[in-house]
């Protein structure tokens, strides 16, 4: 939409006189000025959490990254439960999980994944305990069976 140019004089209707330059109404104050390229300018509000930049550009902080060590701890912990290597993978999962928790706490918000690190620690502990008890029961049962079979074979030969 084009606004009338106040510099162009047009004769007024019926009187034959030139219009007064001050009679041209300015555009409404709420209407944005027209862009010379046909598109209205963008009036986006500044980001509410952005800190002002010394150069006039808004500053956007880099988002926090999830700790790869925390993900490793969780994977080790889950594999220690599922595969049955609780003693061999559960203990490293606990160690790596504690290390990841410490790194996340010291990163001052640059790293996330504290919950992953804690889950890795606890799944590593669960894998170690569960499979440790399983191996203890299995080998205890095997020893008992061997002992009973030995004692039964020695008493039948008498």
Protein backbone atom coordinates (compact mmCIF):
# COMPACT_ATOMS: atom_id res chain seq x y z
CA UNK A 1 0.00 0.00 0.00
CA UNK A 2 1.51 3.30 -1.08
CA UNK A 3 1.07 6.47 0.95
CA UNK A 4 0.59 9.78 -0.86
CA UNK A 5 3.81 11.74 -1.19
CA UNK A 6 3.44 15.16 0.47
CA UNK A 7 5.89 16.70 -2.04
CA UNK A 8 3.57 16.09 -4.99
CA UNK A 9 0.97 18.72 -5.22
CA UNK A 10 -2.43 17.78 -6.55
CA UNK A 11 -5.17 20.26 -7.20
CA UNK A 12 -7.98 20.08 -4.73
CA UNK A 13 -11.43 19.26 -5.99
CA UNK A 14 -13.55 22.08 -7.19
CA UNK A 15 -11.46 25.02 -6.02
CA UNK A 16 -8.55 24.81 -8.44
CA UNK A 17 -6.14 25.64 -5.65
CA UNK A 18 -3.15 23.62 -4.53
CA UNK A 19 -3.63 21.66 -1.28
CA UNK A 20 -1.86 22.73 1.84
CA UNK A 21 1.26 20.59 2.49
CA UNK A 22 0.30 20.27 6.16
CA UNK A 23 -3.11 18.79 5.39
CA UNK A 24 -1.62 15.40 4.41
CA UNK A 25 -2.14 12.99 7.28
CA UNK A 26 0.89 10.96 8.47
CA UNK A 27 0.47 7.19 8.68
CA UNK A 28 -0.94 5.78 11.88
CA UNK A 29 1.69 5.43 14.65
CA UNK A 30 1.08 1.70 15.05
CA UNK A 31 1.61 0.86 11.38
CA UNK A 32 5.14 -0.30 10.53
CA UNK A 33 6.94 1.68 7.87
CA UNK A 34 6.99 0.10 4.46
CA UNK A 35 10.15 -1.58 3.30
CA UNK A 36 11.61 -0.45 -0.02
CA UNK A 37 11.72 -4.13 -1.12
CA UNK A 38 8.01 -4.83 -0.75
CA UNK A 39 8.20 -6.88 2.45
CA UNK A 40 7.31 -5.44 5.82
CA UNK A 41 10.22 -5.32 8.27
CA UNK A 42 10.37 -7.90 10.98
CA UNK A 43 9.53 -6.69 14.50
CA UNK A 44 10.38 -9.69 16.65
CA UNK A 45 10.86 -9.03 20.35
CA UNK A 46 14.32 -9.84 21.70
CA UNK A 47 14.83 -13.17 23.40
CA UNK A 48 13.92 -12.67 27.08
CA UNK A 49 16.89 -14.66 28.43
CA UNK A 50 19.58 -13.46 26.07
CA UNK A 51 22.32 -11.35 27.56
CA UNK A 52 23.08 -8.17 25.62
CA UNK A 53 26.10 -8.44 23.41
CA UNK A 54 28.65 -5.62 23.30
CA UNK A 55 28.26 -5.50 19.51
CA UNK A 56 24.50 -5.19 19.44
CA UNK A 57 23.85 -8.77 18.39
CA UNK A 58 21.96 -11.02 20.83
CA UNK A 59 24.08 -13.60 22.62
CA UNK A 60 22.77 -17.14 22.77
CA UNK A 61 24.54 -19.55 25.10
CA UNK A 62 25.48 -22.95 23.78
CA UNK A 63 23.11 -25.60 25.12
CA UNK A 64 24.47 -28.05 27.67
CA UNK A 65 25.71 -31.38 26.34
CA UNK A 66 24.94 -34.78 27.76
CA UNK A 67 28.01 -36.41 29.26
CA UNK A 68 29.31 -39.30 27.19
CA UNK A 69 30.80 -40.83 30.32
CA UNK A 70 27.32 -40.93 31.87
CA UNK A 71 25.94 -42.71 28.81
CA UNK A 72 28.82 -45.21 28.98
CA UNK A 73 28.05 -45.90 32.65
CA UNK A 74 24.41 -46.57 31.86
CA UNK A 75 25.23 -48.89 28.96
CA UNK A 76 27.73 -50.84 31.06
CA UNK A 77 25.21 -51.14 33.89
CA UNK A 78 22.40 -52.39 31.66
CA UNK A 79 24.64 -54.87 29.85
CA UNK A 80 25.89 -56.16 33.21
CA UNK A 81 22.33 -57.08 34.15
CA UNK A 82 21.17 -58.47 30.81
CA UNK A 83 24.22 -60.38 29.57
CA UNK A 84 25.35 -61.86 32.85
CA UNK A 85 28.72 -60.23 33.15
CA UNK A 86 27.80 -58.50 36.37
CA UNK A 87 31.19 -58.89 38.00
CA UNK A 88 33.08 -57.82 34.87
CA UNK A 89 30.84 -54.98 33.67
CA UNK A 90 28.94 -53.98 36.82
CA UNK A 91 31.99 -52.85 38.77
CA UNK A 92 33.29 -50.68 35.90
CA UNK A 93 29.75 -49.26 35.52
CA UNK A 94 29.81 -48.19 39.16
CA UNK A 95 33.27 -46.61 38.81
CA UNK A 96 32.41 -44.81 35.56
CA UNK A 97 29.04 -43.70 36.98
CA UNK A 98 30.70 -42.03 39.98
CA UNK A 99 33.30 -40.39 37.73
CA UNK A 100 30.56 -39.04 35.44
CA UNK A 101 28.61 -37.67 38.41
CA UNK A 102 31.73 -35.87 39.63
CA UNK A 103 32.47 -34.43 36.17
CA UNK A 104 28.88 -33.21 35.76
CA UNK A 105 28.94 -31.54 39.18
CA UNK A 106 32.23 -29.78 38.36
CA UNK A 107 31.16 -28.64 34.86
CA UNK A 108 29.05 -25.71 36.18
CA UNK A 109 26.10 -26.56 33.95
CA UNK A 110 27.99 -27.29 30.71
CA UNK A 111 27.29 -31.03 31.04
CA UNK A 112 24.02 -32.78 31.78
CA UNK A 113 23.21 -36.43 32.39
CA UNK A 114 23.47 -36.72 36.15
CA UNK A 115 20.48 -39.06 36.16
CA UNK A 116 22.09 -41.24 33.51
CA UNK A 117 25.28 -41.47 35.56
CA UNK A 118 23.36 -42.40 38.70
CA UNK A 119 21.30 -44.97 36.80
CA UNK A 120 24.55 -46.43 35.45
CA UNK A 121 25.93 -46.71 38.98
CA UNK A 122 22.80 -48.38 40.36
CA UNK A 123 22.32 -50.77 37.42
CA UNK A 124 26.00 -51.72 37.71
CA UNK A 125 25.50 -52.40 41.42
CA UNK A 126 22.35 -54.41 40.73
CA UNK A 127 24.10 -56.44 38.01
CA UNK A 128 27.05 -57.15 40.29
CA UNK A 129 24.87 -58.22 43.23
CA UNK A 130 22.34 -60.22 41.22
CA UNK A 131 24.85 -62.12 39.14
CA UNK A 132 27.17 -62.52 42.13
CA UNK A 133 24.33 -64.15 44.07
CA UNK A 134 23.42 -66.25 41.03
CA UNK A 135 27.00 -67.52 40.61
CA UNK A 136 27.28 -68.15 44.35
CA UNK A 137 24.04 -70.15 44.37
CA UNK A 138 24.97 -72.02 41.18
CA UNK A 139 28.43 -73.04 42.35
CA UNK A 140 27.10 -73.78 45.85
CA UNK A 141 24.45 -76.04 44.38
CA UNK A 142 27.01 -77.74 42.15
CA UNK A 143 29.32 -78.33 45.12
CA UNK A 144 26.46 -79.73 47.14
CA UNK A 145 25.44 -82.09 44.33
CA UNK A 146 29.04 -83.25 43.90
CA UNK A 147 29.45 -83.76 47.63
CA UNK A 148 26.22 -85.74 47.91
CA UNK A 149 27.06 -87.87 44.87
CA UNK A 150 30.53 -88.61 46.30
CA UNK A 151 29.10 -89.52 49.70
CA UNK A 152 26.42 -91.72 48.11
CA UNK A 153 28.97 -93.56 45.98
CA UNK A 154 31.29 -94.20 48.95
CA UNK A 155 28.50 -95.53 51.19
CA UNK A 156 27.16 -97.88 48.50
CA UNK A 157 30.61 -99.49 48.06
CA UNK A 158 30.84 -100.49 51.72
